[in-house]
């Protein structure tokens, strides 16, 4: 049985696949594969296509969600912060917030 017939790959790879958005499902999949930890991140294009103000808002939203995942599934997932790269000063602020200020 190849990946084409695996139900987790039956639709749009980014949002319809439960393992891409439901961390309990993803945790089961990585455990089955013998993976102890997985780095998670927001994929391309990230927030850079937005206007800077919106990129900041979306980066904060993503990082807040990552903090929740880390709190609930920290034994298995390590998030990589998303930054509003089209606003360098805001990127510094968000990186500091992601490192020091998220619980």
PDB file of N, CA and C in Angstrom:
ATOM      1  N   UNK A   1       0.852  -1.186   0.000  1.00  0.00           N
ATOM      2  CA  UNK A   1       0.000   0.000   0.000  1.00  0.00           C
ATOM      3  C   UNK A   1       0.889   1.237   0.000  1.00  0.00           C
ATOM      4  N   UNK A   2       0.792   2.052  -1.040  1.00  0.00           N
ATOM      5  CA  UNK A   2       1.568   3.275  -1.143  1.00  0.00           C
ATOM      6  C   UNK A   2       0.861   4.441  -0.495  1.00  0.00           C
ATOM      7  N   UNK A   3       1.544   5.577  -0.458  1.00  0.00           N
ATOM      8  CA  UNK A   3       0.974   6.764   0.178  1.00  0.00           C
ATOM      9  C   UNK A   3      -0.285   7.234  -0.533  1.00  0.00           C
ATOM     10  N   UNK A   4      -0.417   6.929  -1.850  1.00  0.00           N
ATOM     11  CA  UNK A   4      -1.586   7.384  -2.623  1.00  0.00           C
ATOM     12  C   UNK A   4      -2.889   6.807  -2.090  1.00  0.00           C
ATOM     13  N   UNK A   5      -2.836   5.596  -1.540  1.00  0.00           N
ATOM     14  CA  UNK A   5      -4.058   4.972  -1.048  1.00  0.00           C
ATOM     15  C   UNK A   5      -4.252   5.143   0.458  1.00  0.00           C
ATOM     16  N   UNK A   6      -3.332   5.839   1.105  1.00  0.00           N
ATOM     17  CA  UNK A   6      -3.450   6.099   2.534  1.00  0.00           C
ATOM     18  C   UNK A   6      -4.500   7.187   2.739  1.00  0.00           C
ATOM     19  N   UNK A   7      -5.526   6.937   3.586  1.00  0.00           N
ATOM     20  CA  UNK A   7      -6.613   7.917   3.779  1.00  0.00           C
ATOM     21  C   UNK A   7      -6.148   9.295   4.239  1.00  0.00           C
ATOM     22  N   UNK A   8      -5.033   9.379   4.939  1.00  0.00           N
ATOM     23  CA  UNK A   8      -4.585  10.695   5.402  1.00  0.00           C
ATOM     24  C   UNK A   8      -4.133  11.583   4.246  1.00  0.00           C
ATOM     25  N   UNK A   9      -3.890  11.016   3.073  1.00  0.00           N
ATOM     26  CA  UNK A   9      -3.455  11.788   1.919  1.00  0.00           C
ATOM     27  C   UNK A   9      -4.538  11.873   0.849  1.00  0.00           C
ATOM     28  N   UNK A  10      -5.787  11.759   1.237  1.00  0.00           N
ATOM     29  CA  UNK A  10      -6.861  11.645   0.255  1.00  0.00           C
ATOM     30  C   UNK A  10      -7.344  12.975  -0.323  1.00  0.00           C
ATOM     31  N   UNK A  11      -6.961  14.087   0.250  1.00  0.00           N
ATOM     32  CA  UNK A  11      -7.464  15.385  -0.227  1.00  0.00           C
ATOM     33  C   UNK A  11      -6.333  16.400  -0.286  1.00  0.00           C
ATOM     34  N   UNK A  12      -6.700  17.651  -0.170  1.00  0.00           N
ATOM     35  CA  UNK A  12      -5.725  18.736  -0.138  1.00  0.00           C
ATOM     36  C   UNK A  12      -4.727  18.486   0.979  1.00  0.00           C
ATOM     37  N   UNK A  13      -3.464  18.489   0.639  1.00  0.00           N
ATOM     38  CA  UNK A  13      -2.430  18.117   1.596  1.00  0.00           C
ATOM     39  C   UNK A  13      -2.275  19.102   2.749  1.00  0.00           C
ATOM     40  N   UNK A  14      -2.733  20.311   2.618  1.00  0.00           N
ATOM     41  CA  UNK A  14      -2.481  21.298   3.640  1.00  0.00           C
ATOM     42  C   UNK A  14      -3.575  21.419   4.689  1.00  0.00           C
ATOM     43  N   UNK A  15      -4.834  21.321   4.302  1.00  0.00           N
ATOM     44  CA  UNK A  15      -5.877  21.554   5.305  1.00  0.00           C
ATOM     45  C   UNK A  15      -6.842  20.394   5.485  1.00  0.00           C
ATOM     46  N   UNK A  16      -7.018  19.582   4.485  1.00  0.00           N
ATOM     47  CA  UNK A  16      -7.993  18.511   4.608  1.00  0.00           C
ATOM     48  C   UNK A  16      -7.422  17.269   5.274  1.00  0.00           C
ATOM     49  N   UNK A  17      -6.120  17.154   5.328  1.00  0.00           N
ATOM     50  CA  UNK A  17      -5.485  15.995   5.942  1.00  0.00           C
ATOM     51  C   UNK A  17      -5.466  16.199   7.458  1.00  0.00           C
ATOM     52  N   UNK A  18      -6.165  15.338   8.199  1.00  0.00           N
ATOM     53  CA  UNK A  18      -6.245  15.532   9.651  1.00  0.00           C
ATOM     54  C   UNK A  18      -4.889  15.664  10.337  1.00  0.00           C
ATOM     55  N   UNK A  19      -3.902  14.919   9.900  1.00  0.00           N
ATOM     56  CA  UNK A  19      -2.589  14.982  10.529  1.00  0.00           C
ATOM     57  C   UNK A  19      -1.868  16.295  10.333  1.00  0.00           C
ATOM     58  N   UNK A  20      -2.361  17.129   9.426  1.00  0.00           N
ATOM     59  CA  UNK A  20      -1.748  18.445   9.213  1.00  0.00           C
ATOM     60  C   UNK A  20      -2.326  19.503  10.130  1.00  0.00           C
ATOM     61  N   UNK A  21      -3.480  19.243  10.736  1.00  0.00           N
ATOM     62  CA  UNK A  21      -4.116  20.272  11.547  1.00  0.00           C
ATOM     63  C   UNK A  21      -4.585  19.793  12.911  1.00  0.00           C
ATOM     64  N   UNK A  22      -4.703  18.495  13.111  1.00  0.00           N
ATOM     65  CA  UNK A  22      -5.151  17.948  14.390  1.00  0.00           C
ATOM     66  C   UNK A  22      -3.959  17.279  15.066  1.00  0.00           C
ATOM     67  N   UNK A  23      -3.509  17.876  16.136  1.00  0.00           N
ATOM     68  CA  UNK A  23      -2.265  17.421  16.757  1.00  0.00           C
ATOM     69  C   UNK A  23      -2.395  16.037  17.385  1.00  0.00           C
ATOM     70  N   UNK A  24      -3.570  15.650  17.857  1.00  0.00           N
ATOM     71  CA  UNK A  24      -3.749  14.300  18.383  1.00  0.00           C
ATOM     72  C   UNK A  24      -3.540  13.263  17.278  1.00  0.00           C
ATOM     73  N   UNK A  25      -4.064  13.567  16.093  1.00  0.00           N
ATOM     74  CA  UNK A  25      -3.883  12.670  14.947  1.00  0.00           C
ATOM     75  C   UNK A  25      -2.406  12.633  14.554  1.00  0.00           C
ATOM     76  N   UNK A  26      -1.781  13.791  14.478  1.00  0.00           N
ATOM     77  CA  UNK A  26      -0.357  13.860  14.118  1.00  0.00           C
ATOM     78  C   UNK A  26       0.492  13.100  15.134  1.00  0.00           C
ATOM     79  N   UNK A  27       0.173  13.249  16.406  1.00  0.00           N
ATOM     80  CA  UNK A  27       0.928  12.554  17.442  1.00  0.00           C
ATOM     81  C   UNK A  27       0.845  11.036  17.252  1.00  0.00           C
ATOM     82  N   UNK A  28      -0.340  10.543  16.945  1.00  0.00           N
ATOM     83  CA  UNK A  28      -0.509   9.109  16.690  1.00  0.00           C
ATOM     84  C   UNK A  28       0.335   8.673  15.498  1.00  0.00           C
ATOM     85  N   UNK A  29       0.341   9.466  14.448  1.00  0.00           N
ATOM     86  CA  UNK A  29       1.095   9.134  13.239  1.00  0.00           C
ATOM     87  C   UNK A  29       2.594   9.089  13.516  1.00  0.00           C
ATOM     88  N   UNK A  30       3.107  10.092  14.223  1.00  0.00           N
ATOM     89  CA  UNK A  30       4.558  10.093  14.453  1.00  0.00           C
ATOM     90  C   UNK A  30       4.972   8.988  15.416  1.00  0.00           C
ATOM     91  N   UNK A  31       4.118   8.687  16.396  1.00  0.00           N
ATOM     92  CA  UNK A  31       4.431   7.581  17.310  1.00  0.00           C
ATOM     93  C   UNK A  31       4.507   6.267  16.532  1.00  0.00           C
ATOM     94  N   UNK A  32       3.542   6.062  15.634  1.00  0.00           N
ATOM     95  CA  UNK A  32       3.506   4.848  14.814  1.00  0.00           C
ATOM     96  C   UNK A  32       4.761   4.742  13.948  1.00  0.00           C
ATOM     97  N   UNK A  33       5.272   5.892  13.505  1.00  0.00           N
ATOM     98  CA  UNK A  33       6.465   5.917  12.665  1.00  0.00           C
ATOM     99  C   UNK A  33       7.756   5.853  13.475  1.00  0.00           C
ATOM    100  N   UNK A  34       7.641   5.850  14.797  1.00  0.00           N
ATOM    101  CA  UNK A  34       8.826   5.784  15.648  1.00  0.00           C
ATOM    102  C   UNK A  34       9.543   7.113  15.807  1.00  0.00           C
ATOM    103  N   UNK A  35       8.833   8.210  15.575  1.00  0.00           N
ATOM    104  CA  UNK A  35       9.408   9.556  15.714  1.00  0.00           C
ATOM    105  C   UNK A  35       9.081  10.073  17.113  1.00  0.00           C
ATOM    106  N   UNK A  36      10.107  10.522  17.820  1.00  0.00           N
ATOM    107  CA  UNK A  36       9.902  11.026  19.178  1.00  0.00           C
ATOM    108  C   UNK A  36       9.448  12.479  19.215  1.00  0.00           C
ATOM    109  N   UNK A  37      10.069  13.317  18.389  1.00  0.00           N
ATOM    110  CA  UNK A  37       9.754  14.750  18.352  1.00  0.00           C
ATOM    111  C   UNK A  37       9.714  15.223  16.910  1.00  0.00           C
ATOM    112  N   UNK A  38       8.902  16.244  16.694  1.00  0.00           N
ATOM    113  CA  UNK A  38       8.781  16.824  15.366  1.00  0.00           C
ATOM    114  C   UNK A  38       8.751  18.346  15.494  1.00  0.00           C
ATOM    115  N   UNK A  39       9.502  19.009  14.637  1.00  0.00           N
ATOM    116  CA  UNK A  39       9.442  20.469  14.579  1.00  0.00           C
ATOM    117  C   UNK A  39       8.261  20.846  13.706  1.00  0.00           C
ATOM    118  N   UNK A  40       7.451  21.786  14.188  1.00  0.00           N
ATOM    119  CA  UNK A  40       6.316  22.253  13.396  1.00  0.00           C
ATOM    120  C   UNK A  40       6.524  23.729  13.066  1.00  0.00           C
ATOM    121  N   UNK A  41       6.050  24.115  11.893  1.00  0.00           N
ATOM    122  CA  UNK A  41       6.182  25.508  11.465  1.00  0.00           C
ATOM    123  C   UNK A  41       5.075  25.835  10.470  1.00  0.00           C
ATOM    124  N   UNK A  42       4.892  27.118  10.241  1.00  0.00           N
ATOM    125  CA  UNK A  42       3.981  27.574   9.202  1.00  0.00           C
ATOM    126  C   UNK A  42       4.728  27.497   7.881  1.00  0.00           C
ATOM    127  N   UNK A  43       4.143  26.841   6.900  1.00  0.00           N
ATOM    128  CA  UNK A  43       4.833  26.648   5.633  1.00  0.00           C
ATOM    129  C   UNK A  43       4.772  27.900   4.757  1.00  0.00           C
ATOM    130  N   UNK A  44       5.507  27.856   3.669  1.00  0.00           N
ATOM    131  CA  UNK A  44       5.561  28.966   2.715  1.00  0.00           C
ATOM    132  C   UNK A  44       4.185  29.250   2.158  1.00  0.00           C
ATOM    133  N   UNK A  45       3.848  30.453   1.914  1.00  0.00           N
ATOM    134  CA  UNK A  45       4.676  31.634   1.983  1.00  0.00           C
ATOM    135  C   UNK A  45       4.678  32.322   3.342  1.00  0.00           C
ATOM    136  N   UNK A  46       4.135  31.698   4.352  1.00  0.00           N
ATOM    137  CA  UNK A  46       4.121  32.332   5.664  1.00  0.00           C
ATOM    138  C   UNK A  46       3.232  33.562   5.665  1.00  0.00           C
ATOM    139  N   UNK A  47       3.677  34.609   6.326  1.00  0.00           N
ATOM    140  CA  UNK A  47       2.869  35.828   6.420  1.00  0.00           C
ATOM    141  C   UNK A  47       3.413  36.959   5.540  1.00  0.00           C
ATOM    142  N   UNK A  48       4.478  36.705   4.821  1.00  0.00           N
ATOM    143  CA  UNK A  48       5.171  37.771   4.086  1.00  0.00           C
ATOM    144  C   UNK A  48       4.350  38.370   2.940  1.00  0.00           C
ATOM    145  N   UNK A  49       3.357  37.658   2.450  1.00  0.00           N
ATOM    146  CA  UNK A  49       2.545  38.183   1.349  1.00  0.00           C
ATOM    147  C   UNK A  49       1.517  39.214   1.801  1.00  0.00           C
ATOM    148  N   UNK A  50       1.327  39.306   3.095  1.00  0.00           N
ATOM    149  CA  UNK A  50       0.370  40.265   3.643  1.00  0.00           C
ATOM    150  C   UNK A  50       1.016  41.640   3.806  1.00  0.00           C
ATOM    151  N   UNK A  51       0.186  42.662   3.984  1.00  0.00           N
ATOM    152  CA  UNK A  51       0.747  43.965   4.328  1.00  0.00           C
ATOM    153  C   UNK A  51       1.371  43.837   5.717  1.00  0.00           C
ATOM    154  N   UNK A  52       2.387  44.627   6.031  1.00  0.00           N
ATOM    155  CA  UNK A  52       3.096  44.448   7.300  1.00  0.00           C
ATOM    156  C   UNK A  52       2.195  44.378   8.536  1.00  0.00           C
ATOM    157  N   UNK A  53       1.220  45.250   8.648  1.00  0.00           N
ATOM    158  CA  UNK A  53       0.352  45.242   9.831  1.00  0.00           C
ATOM    159  C   UNK A  53      -0.374  43.904   9.962  1.00  0.00           C
ATOM    160  N   UNK A  54      -0.891  43.404   8.870  1.00  0.00           N
ATOM    161  CA  UNK A  54      -1.600  42.111   8.890  1.00  0.00           C
ATOM    162  C   UNK A  54      -0.619  40.960   9.133  1.00  0.00           C
ATOM    163  N   UNK A  55       0.591  41.058   8.592  1.00  0.00           N
ATOM    164  CA  UNK A  55       1.607  40.031   8.817  1.00  0.00           C
ATOM    165  C   UNK A  55       1.927  39.912  10.306  1.00  0.00           C
ATOM    166  N   UNK A  56       1.993  41.052  10.989  1.00  0.00           N
ATOM    167  CA  UNK A  56       2.236  41.044  12.438  1.00  0.00           C
ATOM    168  C   UNK A  56       1.088  40.345  13.160  1.00  0.00           C
ATOM    169  N   UNK A  57      -0.143  40.685  12.811  1.00  0.00           N
ATOM    170  CA  UNK A  57      -1.315  40.075  13.440  1.00  0.00           C
ATOM    171  C   UNK A  57      -1.326  38.565  13.231  1.00  0.00           C
ATOM    172  N   UNK A  58      -1.074  38.134  12.001  1.00  0.00           N
ATOM    173  CA  UNK A  58      -1.103  36.707  11.695  1.00  0.00           C
ATOM    174  C   UNK A  58       0.046  35.959  12.364  1.00  0.00           C
ATOM    175  N   UNK A  59       1.208  36.566  12.417  1.00  0.00           N
ATOM    176  CA  UNK A  59       2.345  35.926  13.090  1.00  0.00           C
ATOM    177  C   UNK A  59       2.037  35.717  14.569  1.00  0.00           C
ATOM    178  N   UNK A  60       1.439  36.712  15.197  1.00  0.00           N
ATOM    179  CA  UNK A  60       1.066  36.585  16.613  1.00  0.00           C
ATOM    180  C   UNK A  60       0.042  35.460  16.792  1.00  0.00           C
ATOM    181  N   UNK A  61      -0.921  35.400  15.901  1.00  0.00           N
ATOM    182  CA  UNK A  61      -1.955  34.361  15.965  1.00  0.00           C
ATOM    183  C   UNK A  61      -1.335  32.966  15.828  1.00  0.00           C
ATOM    184  N   UNK A  62      -0.460  32.807  14.849  1.00  0.00           N
ATOM    185  CA  UNK A  62       0.212  31.522  14.640  1.00  0.00           C
ATOM    186  C   UNK A  62       1.048  31.153  15.866  1.00  0.00           C
ATOM    187  N   UNK A  63       1.822  32.091  16.362  1.00  0.00           N
ATOM    188  CA  UNK A  63       2.689  31.795  17.500  1.00  0.00           C
ATOM    189  C   UNK A  63       1.900  31.513  18.774  1.00  0.00           C
ATOM    190  N   UNK A  64       0.764  32.171  18.940  1.00  0.00           N
ATOM    191  CA  UNK A  64      -0.105  31.855  20.074  1.00  0.00           C
ATOM    192  C   UNK A  64      -0.631  30.423  19.953  1.00  0.00           C
ATOM    193  N   UNK A  65      -0.987  30.027  18.735  1.00  0.00           N
ATOM    194  CA  UNK A  65      -1.452  28.653  18.510  1.00  0.00           C
ATOM    195  C   UNK A  65      -0.332  27.656  18.756  1.00  0.00           C
ATOM    196  N   UNK A  66       0.867  27.995  18.301  1.00  0.00           N
ATOM    197  CA  UNK A  66       2.018  27.121  18.547  1.00  0.00           C
ATOM    198  C   UNK A  66       2.296  26.978  20.046  1.00  0.00           C
ATOM    199  N   UNK A  67       2.133  28.056  20.796  1.00  0.00           N
ATOM    200  CA  UNK A  67       2.351  27.992  22.244  1.00  0.00           C
ATOM    201  C   UNK A  67       1.350  27.044  22.898  1.00  0.00           C
ATOM    202  N   UNK A  68       0.120  27.076  22.420  1.00  0.00           N
ATOM    203  CA  UNK A  68      -0.906  26.169  22.940  1.00  0.00           C
ATOM    204  C   UNK A  68      -0.538  24.716  22.613  1.00  0.00           C
ATOM    205  N   UNK A  69      -0.090  24.472  21.390  1.00  0.00           N
ATOM    206  CA  UNK A  69       0.329  23.123  21.003  1.00  0.00           C
ATOM    207  C   UNK A  69       1.497  22.669  21.864  1.00  0.00           C
ATOM    208  N   UNK A  70       2.456  23.555  22.071  1.00  0.00           N
ATOM    209  CA  UNK A  70       3.625  23.224  22.906  1.00  0.00           C
ATOM    210  C   UNK A  70       3.183  22.854  24.321  1.00  0.00           C
ATOM    211  N   UNK A  71       2.231  23.599  24.846  1.00  0.00           N
ATOM    212  CA  UNK A  71       1.752  23.337  26.208  1.00  0.00           C
ATOM    213  C   UNK A  71       1.031  21.990  26.286  1.00  0.00           C
ATOM    214  N   UNK A  72       0.230  21.677  25.264  1.00  0.00           N
ATOM    215  CA  UNK A  72      -0.578  20.462  25.277  1.00  0.00           C
ATOM    216  C   UNK A  72       0.175  19.232  24.768  1.00  0.00           C
ATOM    217  N   UNK A  73       1.151  19.418  23.894  1.00  0.00           N
ATOM    218  CA  UNK A  73       1.834  18.292  23.243  1.00  0.00           C
ATOM    219  C   UNK A  73       3.348  18.484  23.234  1.00  0.00           C
ATOM    220  N   UNK A  74       3.883  19.175  24.234  1.00  0.00           N
ATOM    221  CA  UNK A  74       5.297  19.533  24.247  1.00  0.00           C
ATOM    222  C   UNK A  74       6.258  18.363  24.234  1.00  0.00           C
ATOM    223  N   UNK A  75       5.776  17.190  24.632  1.00  0.00           N
ATOM    224  CA  UNK A  75       6.651  16.023  24.591  1.00  0.00           C
ATOM    225  C   UNK A  75       6.946  15.580  23.161  1.00  0.00           C
ATOM    226  N   UNK A  76       6.093  15.992  22.220  1.00  0.00           N
ATOM    227  CA  UNK A  76       6.217  15.494  20.850  1.00  0.00           C
ATOM    228  C   UNK A  76       6.462  16.562  19.793  1.00  0.00           C
ATOM    229  N   UNK A  77       6.098  17.821  20.082  1.00  0.00           N
ATOM    230  CA  UNK A  77       6.199  18.862  19.063  1.00  0.00           C
ATOM    231  C   UNK A  77       6.965  20.085  19.576  1.00  0.00           C
ATOM    232  N   UNK A  78       7.838  20.577  18.723  1.00  0.00           N
ATOM    233  CA  UNK A  78       8.612  21.779  19.014  1.00  0.00           C
ATOM    234  C   UNK A  78       8.290  22.796  17.917  1.00  0.00           C
ATOM    235  N   UNK A  79       7.619  23.888  18.257  1.00  0.00           N
ATOM    236  CA  UNK A  79       7.265  24.872  17.229  1.00  0.00           C
ATOM    237  C   UNK A  79       8.428  25.796  16.870  1.00  0.00           C
ATOM    238  N   UNK A  80       8.446  26.196  15.624  1.00  0.00           N
ATOM    239  CA  UNK A  80       9.389  27.178  15.107  1.00  0.00           C
ATOM    240  C   UNK A  80       8.596  28.456  14.866  1.00  0.00           C
ATOM    241  N   UNK A  81       8.958  29.526  15.552  1.00  0.00           N
ATOM    242  CA  UNK A  81       8.180  30.772  15.491  1.00  0.00           C
ATOM    243  C   UNK A  81       8.037  31.296  14.062  1.00  0.00           C
ATOM    244  N   UNK A  82       6.892  31.907  13.809  1.00  0.00           N
ATOM    245  CA  UNK A  82       6.618  32.588  12.554  1.00  0.00           C
ATOM    246  C   UNK A  82       6.834  34.079  12.778  1.00  0.00           C
ATOM    247  N   UNK A  83       7.529  34.724  11.857  1.00  0.00           N
ATOM    248  CA  UNK A  83       7.833  36.150  12.003  1.00  0.00           C
ATOM    249  C   UNK A  83       7.291  36.943  10.825  1.00  0.00           C
ATOM    250  N   UNK A  84       6.883  38.200  11.070  1.00  0.00           N
ATOM    251  CA  UNK A  84       6.421  39.080   9.995  1.00  0.00           C
ATOM    252  C   UNK A  84       7.631  39.683   9.271  1.00  0.00           C
ATOM    253  N   UNK A  85       8.234  38.912   8.398  1.00  0.00           N
ATOM    254  CA  UNK A  85       9.521  39.276   7.801  1.00  0.00           C
ATOM    255  C   UNK A  85       9.495  40.555   6.976  1.00  0.00           C
ATOM    256  N   UNK A  86       8.315  41.004   6.572  1.00  0.00           N
ATOM    257  CA  UNK A  86       8.238  42.258   5.823  1.00  0.00           C
ATOM    258  C   UNK A  86       8.196  43.486   6.737  1.00  0.00           C
ATOM    259  N   UNK A  87       8.370  43.261   8.033  1.00  0.00           N
ATOM    260  CA  UNK A  87       8.488  44.339   9.018  1.00  0.00           C
ATOM    261  C   UNK A  87       9.615  43.949   9.985  1.00  0.00           C
ATOM    262  N   UNK A  88      10.856  44.316   9.654  1.00  0.00           N
ATOM    263  CA  UNK A  88      12.001  43.869  10.460  1.00  0.00           C
ATOM    264  C   UNK A  88      11.901  44.202  11.948  1.00  0.00           C
ATOM    265  N   UNK A  89      11.455  45.407  12.274  1.00  0.00           N
ATOM    266  CA  UNK A  89      11.350  45.768  13.695  1.00  0.00           C
ATOM    267  C   UNK A  89      10.309  44.911  14.400  1.00  0.00           C
ATOM    268  N   UNK A  90       9.183  44.685  13.749  1.00  0.00           N
ATOM    269  CA  UNK A  90       8.148  43.835  14.344  1.00  0.00           C
ATOM    270  C   UNK A  90       8.623  42.388  14.444  1.00  0.00           C
ATOM    271  N   UNK A  91       9.471  41.961  13.522  1.00  0.00           N
ATOM    272  CA  UNK A  91      10.031  40.607  13.586  1.00  0.00           C
ATOM    273  C   UNK A  91      10.860  40.420  14.846  1.00  0.00           C
ATOM    274  N   UNK A  92      11.655  41.426  15.184  1.00  0.00           N
ATOM    275  CA  UNK A  92      12.465  41.351  16.404  1.00  0.00           C
ATOM    276  C   UNK A  92      11.557  41.263  17.625  1.00  0.00           C
ATOM    277  N   UNK A  93      10.540  42.098  17.657  1.00  0.00           N
ATOM    278  CA  UNK A  93       9.605  42.099  18.786  1.00  0.00           C
ATOM    279  C   UNK A  93       8.903  40.744  18.894  1.00  0.00           C
ATOM    280  N   UNK A  94       8.459  40.205  17.763  1.00  0.00           N
ATOM    281  CA  UNK A  94       7.737  38.929  17.793  1.00  0.00           C
ATOM    282  C   UNK A  94       8.659  37.771  18.159  1.00  0.00           C
ATOM    283  N   UNK A  95       9.884  37.806  17.705  1.00  0.00           N
ATOM    284  CA  UNK A  95      10.831  36.757  18.082  1.00  0.00           C
ATOM    285  C   UNK A  95      11.088  36.781  19.589  1.00  0.00           C
ATOM    286  N   UNK A  96      11.265  37.960  20.143  1.00  0.00           N
ATOM    287  CA  UNK A  96      11.464  38.084  21.594  1.00  0.00           C
ATOM    288  C   UNK A  96      10.231  37.600  22.340  1.00  0.00           C
ATOM    289  N   UNK A  97       9.051  37.941  21.843  1.00  0.00           N
ATOM    290  CA  UNK A  97       7.807  37.485  22.461  1.00  0.00           C
ATOM    291  C   UNK A  97       7.704  35.964  22.387  1.00  0.00           C
ATOM    292  N   UNK A  98       8.056  35.401  21.244  1.00  0.00           N
ATOM    293  CA  UNK A  98       7.959  33.944  21.081  1.00  0.00           C
ATOM    294  C   UNK A  98       8.935  33.215  21.985  1.00  0.00           C
ATOM    295  N   UNK A  99      10.104  33.795  22.191  1.00  0.00           N
ATOM    296  CA  UNK A  99      11.111  33.151  23.029  1.00  0.00           C
ATOM    297  C   UNK A  99      10.804  33.337  24.512  1.00  0.00           C
ATOM    298  N   UNK A 100      10.408  34.542  24.898  1.00  0.00           N
ATOM    299  CA  UNK A 100      10.294  34.854  26.327  1.00  0.00           C
ATOM    300  C   UNK A 100       8.868  34.985  26.865  1.00  0.00           C
ATOM    301  N   UNK A 101       7.920  35.303  25.982  1.00  0.00           N
ATOM    302  CA  UNK A 101       6.631  35.726  26.492  1.00  0.00           C
ATOM    303  C   UNK A 101       5.450  34.815  26.267  1.00  0.00           C
ATOM    304  N   UNK A 102       5.644  33.660  25.652  1.00  0.00           N
ATOM    305  CA  UNK A 102       4.498  32.785  25.405  1.00  0.00           C
ATOM    306  C   UNK A 102       4.467  31.658  26.421  1.00  0.00           C
ATOM    307  N   UNK A 103       3.295  31.420  26.978  1.00  0.00           N
ATOM    308  CA  UNK A 103       3.138  30.328  27.950  1.00  0.00           C
ATOM    309  C   UNK A 103       2.085  29.363  27.460  1.00  0.00           C
TER     310      UNK A 103
END
